[in-house]
Amino acid sequence: PLNWGDPNCKITEHFTVDDAITLHHWGRLAIEEDGLTDQVKANIVHLCQLMEQVREVLGCPINVHCIFRSVKYNREVLKSLPNDVHSMGQAIDFDCNNTMTIEQVKEKVRPLLEKLGLRLEGGTTTLVHIDFHKVGPSGREFKA
């Protein structure tokens, strides 16, 4: 079983607990009181499995900015909406360091969206946001 208290524990081959649940501004891993429920953990595992496939297509390491963020963290640190998909463990923000630009990463990811059941946030310039939340009226590529 996964040890969610060990930042070095691997969720999948290339993604760790540290990647998934570090609340950077608070300097700690998320805990159950932050909303890290069994369902959220299952979502994170599923997302990391999908991201292994994305990483394979990208052909380079992924620099994870964020996967899970608690509702309280979103409210206090980012001033974002309480129903943010990160608080459900369904989203990842990342880049590919200097290997590819954000736009190059998005170009490579777009053909995977339908196949992997993913959505891509358009309009971002400093990171790539991918999630597996249900597709709304705006389709697989949406603007926040």
C-alpha atoms as a PDB file:
ATOM      1  CA  PRO A   1       0.000   0.000   0.000  1.00  0.00           C
ATOM      2  CA  LEU A   2       1.024   3.597  -0.549  1.00  0.00           C
ATOM      3  CA  ASN A   3       2.510   5.473   2.387  1.00  0.00           C
ATOM      4  CA  TRP A   4       0.914   8.921   1.994  1.00  0.00           C
ATOM      5  CA  GLY A   5       3.114  10.235   4.824  1.00  0.00           C
ATOM      6  CA  ASP A   6       6.364   9.483   2.956  1.00  0.00           C
ATOM      7  CA  PRO A   7       7.187  12.158   0.362  1.00  0.00           C
ATOM      8  CA  ASN A   8       9.521   9.740  -1.452  1.00  0.00           C
ATOM      9  CA  CYS A   9       6.939   6.966  -1.791  1.00  0.00           C
ATOM     10  CA  LYS A  10       6.222   6.290  -5.469  1.00  0.00           C
ATOM     11  CA  ILE A  11       2.612   6.442  -6.617  1.00  0.00           C
ATOM     12  CA  THR A  12       3.647   5.342 -10.110  1.00  0.00           C
ATOM     13  CA  GLU A  13       7.065   4.950 -11.740  1.00  0.00           C
ATOM     14  CA  HIS A  14       7.672   8.702 -12.164  1.00  0.00           C
ATOM     15  CA  PHE A  15       5.300  10.351  -9.656  1.00  0.00           C
ATOM     16  CA  THR A  16       5.760  10.516  -5.885  1.00  0.00           C
ATOM     17  CA  VAL A  17       3.683  11.446  -2.863  1.00  0.00           C
ATOM     18  CA  ASP A  18       5.740  14.661  -2.737  1.00  0.00           C
ATOM     19  CA  ASP A  19       4.637  15.531  -6.303  1.00  0.00           C
ATOM     20  CA  ALA A  20       1.030  14.773  -5.465  1.00  0.00           C
ATOM     21  CA  ILE A  21       0.225  16.256  -2.077  1.00  0.00           C
ATOM     22  CA  THR A  22       2.818  18.857  -1.076  1.00  0.00           C
ATOM     23  CA  LEU A  23       1.155  22.104  -0.046  1.00  0.00           C
ATOM     24  CA  HIS A  24       4.136  24.293  -0.956  1.00  0.00           C
ATOM     25  CA  HIS A  25       3.158  27.537   0.791  1.00  0.00           C
ATOM     26  CA  TRP A  26       2.405  25.630   3.986  1.00  0.00           C
ATOM     27  CA  GLY A  27       5.629  23.599   3.751  1.00  0.00           C
ATOM     28  CA  ARG A  28       4.032  20.210   4.390  1.00  0.00           C
ATOM     29  CA  LEU A  29       2.225  17.244   2.904  1.00  0.00           C
ATOM     30  CA  ALA A  30      -1.568  17.299   2.864  1.00  0.00           C
ATOM     31  CA  ILE A  31      -3.323  15.195   5.495  1.00  0.00           C
ATOM     32  CA  GLU A  32      -6.823  13.805   6.015  1.00  0.00           C
ATOM     33  CA  GLU A  33      -7.962  17.052   7.698  1.00  0.00           C
ATOM     34  CA  ASP A  34      -7.090  18.855   4.447  1.00  0.00           C
ATOM     35  CA  GLY A  35      -9.611  16.730   2.564  1.00  0.00           C
ATOM     36  CA  LEU A  36      -7.215  13.978   1.548  1.00  0.00           C
ATOM     37  CA  THR A  37      -9.941  11.307   1.590  1.00  0.00           C
ATOM     38  CA  ASP A  38      -9.724   7.778   0.207  1.00  0.00           C
ATOM     39  CA  GLN A  39     -11.611   8.969  -2.897  1.00  0.00           C
ATOM     40  CA  VAL A  40      -9.169  11.843  -3.443  1.00  0.00           C
ATOM     41  CA  LYS A  41      -6.233   9.429  -3.032  1.00  0.00           C
ATOM     42  CA  ALA A  42      -7.820   7.071  -5.588  1.00  0.00           C
ATOM     43  CA  ASN A  43      -8.251  10.014  -7.970  1.00  0.00           C
ATOM     44  CA  ILE A  44      -4.589  10.976  -7.513  1.00  0.00           C
ATOM     45  CA  VAL A  45      -3.462   7.406  -8.271  1.00  0.00           C
ATOM     46  CA  HIS A  46      -5.644   7.352 -11.411  1.00  0.00           C
ATOM     47  CA  LEU A  47      -4.297  10.755 -12.501  1.00  0.00           C
ATOM     48  CA  CYS A  48      -0.679   9.631 -12.017  1.00  0.00           C
ATOM     49  CA  GLN A  49      -1.377   6.499 -14.100  1.00  0.00           C
ATOM     50  CA  LEU A  50      -2.780   8.700 -16.877  1.00  0.00           C
ATOM     51  CA  MET A  51       0.195  11.048 -16.576  1.00  0.00           C
ATOM     52  CA  GLU A  52       2.613   8.147 -17.096  1.00  0.00           C
ATOM     53  CA  GLN A  53       1.038   7.793 -20.558  1.00  0.00           C
ATOM     54  CA  VAL A  54       1.250  11.556 -21.141  1.00  0.00           C
ATOM     55  CA  ARG A  55       4.899  11.537 -20.037  1.00  0.00           C
ATOM     56  CA  GLU A  56       5.660   8.712 -22.466  1.00  0.00           C
ATOM     57  CA  VAL A  57       4.235  10.730 -25.380  1.00  0.00           C
ATOM     58  CA  LEU A  58       6.059  13.887 -24.265  1.00  0.00           C
ATOM     59  CA  GLY A  59       9.311  11.919 -24.066  1.00  0.00           C
ATOM     60  CA  CYS A  60      10.751  13.943 -21.207  1.00  0.00           C
ATOM     61  CA  PRO A  61      10.531  14.348 -17.436  1.00  0.00           C
ATOM     62  CA  ILE A  62       7.605  16.329 -16.036  1.00  0.00           C
ATOM     63  CA  ASN A  63       8.095  19.057 -13.456  1.00  0.00           C
ATOM     64  CA  VAL A  64       4.971  18.902 -11.271  1.00  0.00           C
ATOM     65  CA  HIS A  65       3.789  22.246  -9.896  1.00  0.00           C
ATOM     66  CA  CYS A  66       0.724  20.873  -8.155  1.00  0.00           C
ATOM     67  CA  ILE A  67      -1.714  17.983  -8.036  1.00  0.00           C
ATOM     68  CA  PHE A  68      -3.737  18.136  -4.800  1.00  0.00           C
ATOM     69  CA  ARG A  69      -4.637  21.401  -3.079  1.00  0.00           C
ATOM     70  CA  SER A  70      -7.097  21.554  -0.203  1.00  0.00           C
ATOM     71  CA  VAL A  71     -10.166  23.811  -0.278  1.00  0.00           C
ATOM     72  CA  LYS A  72      -8.711  25.844   2.605  1.00  0.00           C
ATOM     73  CA  TYR A  73      -5.334  26.141   0.837  1.00  0.00           C
ATOM     74  CA  ASN A  74      -7.056  27.290  -2.353  1.00  0.00           C
ATOM     75  CA  ARG A  75      -9.049  29.889  -0.426  1.00  0.00           C
ATOM     76  CA  GLU A  76      -6.187  31.221   1.702  1.00  0.00           C
ATOM     77  CA  VAL A  77      -3.211  30.978  -0.632  1.00  0.00           C
ATOM     78  CA  LEU A  78      -4.578  31.136  -4.171  1.00  0.00           C
ATOM     79  CA  LYS A  79      -7.943  32.871  -3.718  1.00  0.00           C
ATOM     80  CA  SER A  80      -9.423  30.285  -6.096  1.00  0.00           C
ATOM     81  CA  LEU A  81     -12.815  28.618  -6.223  1.00  0.00           C
ATOM     82  CA  PRO A  82     -13.805  26.032  -3.606  1.00  0.00           C
ATOM     83  CA  ASN A  83     -14.874  23.513  -6.281  1.00  0.00           C
ATOM     84  CA  ASP A  84     -11.409  23.519  -7.850  1.00  0.00           C
ATOM     85  CA  VAL A  85     -10.593  20.148  -9.470  1.00  0.00           C
ATOM     86  CA  HIS A  86      -7.232  20.107  -7.634  1.00  0.00           C
ATOM     87  CA  SER A  87      -9.122  19.748  -4.324  1.00  0.00           C
ATOM     88  CA  MET A  88     -10.670  16.564  -5.763  1.00  0.00           C
ATOM     89  CA  GLY A  89      -7.290  15.128  -6.803  1.00  0.00           C
ATOM     90  CA  GLN A  90      -8.370  15.230 -10.465  1.00  0.00           C
ATOM     91  CA  ALA A  91      -5.886  17.763 -11.857  1.00  0.00           C
ATOM     92  CA  ILE A  92      -2.203  18.394 -12.411  1.00  0.00           C
ATOM     93  CA  ASP A  93      -0.290  21.557 -13.248  1.00  0.00           C
ATOM     94  CA  PHE A  94       3.140  20.948 -14.756  1.00  0.00           C
ATOM     95  CA  ASP A  95       5.781  21.942 -17.262  1.00  0.00           C
ATOM     96  CA  CYS A  96       8.630  20.137 -19.000  1.00  0.00           C
ATOM     97  CA  ASN A  97      11.376  22.404 -17.657  1.00  0.00           C
ATOM     98  CA  ASN A  98      13.357  23.728 -20.616  1.00  0.00           C
ATOM     99  CA  THR A  99      12.745  20.693 -22.825  1.00  0.00           C
ATOM    100  CA  MET A 100       9.614  22.150 -24.462  1.00  0.00           C
ATOM    101  CA  THR A 101       7.612  25.357 -24.305  1.00  0.00           C
ATOM    102  CA  ILE A 102       4.154  25.285 -22.723  1.00  0.00           C
ATOM    103  CA  GLU A 103       2.604  25.541 -26.194  1.00  0.00           C
ATOM    104  CA  GLN A 104       4.741  22.638 -27.518  1.00  0.00           C
ATOM    105  CA  VAL A 105       3.622  20.486 -24.576  1.00  0.00           C
ATOM    106  CA  LYS A 106      -0.043  21.353 -25.260  1.00  0.00           C
ATOM    107  CA  GLU A 107       0.356  20.455 -28.943  1.00  0.00           C
ATOM    108  CA  LYS A 108       1.670  17.003 -28.004  1.00  0.00           C
ATOM    109  CA  VAL A 109      -1.047  16.484 -25.362  1.00  0.00           C
ATOM    110  CA  ARG A 110      -4.068  17.495 -27.469  1.00  0.00           C
ATOM    111  CA  PRO A 111      -4.251  14.200 -29.444  1.00  0.00           C
ATOM    112  CA  LEU A 112      -4.377  12.277 -26.117  1.00  0.00           C
ATOM    113  CA  LEU A 113      -7.313  14.136 -24.571  1.00  0.00           C
ATOM    114  CA  GLU A 114     -10.139  12.049 -26.021  1.00  0.00           C
ATOM    115  CA  LYS A 115      -8.319   8.718 -25.707  1.00  0.00           C
ATOM    116  CA  LEU A 116      -7.362   9.244 -22.052  1.00  0.00           C
ATOM    117  CA  GLY A 117     -10.515  11.109 -21.020  1.00  0.00           C
ATOM    118  CA  LEU A 118      -8.649  14.294 -20.181  1.00  0.00           C
ATOM    119  CA  ARG A 119      -9.313  18.018 -20.394  1.00  0.00           C
ATOM    120  CA  LEU A 120      -6.715  20.712 -21.106  1.00  0.00           C
ATOM    121  CA  GLU A 121      -6.903  24.279 -19.879  1.00  0.00           C
ATOM    122  CA  GLY A 122      -6.238  26.699 -22.717  1.00  0.00           C
ATOM    123  CA  GLY A 123      -4.784  30.144 -22.209  1.00  0.00           C
ATOM    124  CA  THR A 124      -2.135  29.176 -19.652  1.00  0.00           C
ATOM    125  CA  THR A 125       1.386  30.407 -20.379  1.00  0.00           C
ATOM    126  CA  THR A 126       3.463  29.326 -17.355  1.00  0.00           C
ATOM    127  CA  LEU A 127       2.119  25.801 -16.892  1.00  0.00           C
ATOM    128  CA  VAL A 128       0.041  23.049 -18.458  1.00  0.00           C
ATOM    129  CA  HIS A 129      -3.163  22.119 -16.609  1.00  0.00           C
ATOM    130  CA  ILE A 130      -4.668  18.695 -17.328  1.00  0.00           C
ATOM    131  CA  ASP A 131      -7.565  17.108 -15.480  1.00  0.00           C
ATOM    132  CA  PHE A 132     -10.043  14.256 -15.805  1.00  0.00           C
ATOM    133  CA  HIS A 133     -13.117  16.161 -14.624  1.00  0.00           C
ATOM    134  CA  LYS A 134     -16.214  15.541 -16.723  1.00  0.00           C
ATOM    135  CA  VAL A 135     -16.279  17.452 -19.957  1.00  0.00           C
ATOM    136  CA  GLY A 136     -18.555  20.486 -19.947  1.00  0.00           C
ATOM    137  CA  PRO A 137     -20.057  22.577 -22.756  1.00  0.00           C
ATOM    138  CA  SER A 138     -16.632  24.022 -23.668  1.00  0.00           C
ATOM    139  CA  GLY A 139     -15.301  20.574 -24.589  1.00  0.00           C
ATOM    140  CA  ARG A 140     -11.950  18.952 -23.888  1.00  0.00           C
ATOM    141  CA  GLU A 141     -10.097  22.256 -24.074  1.00  0.00           C
ATOM    142  CA  PHE A 142     -11.478  24.953 -21.813  1.00  0.00           C
ATOM    143  CA  LYS A 143     -10.602  28.405 -20.509  1.00  0.00           C
ATOM    144  CA  ALA A 144     -10.681  28.933 -16.749  1.00  0.00           C
END
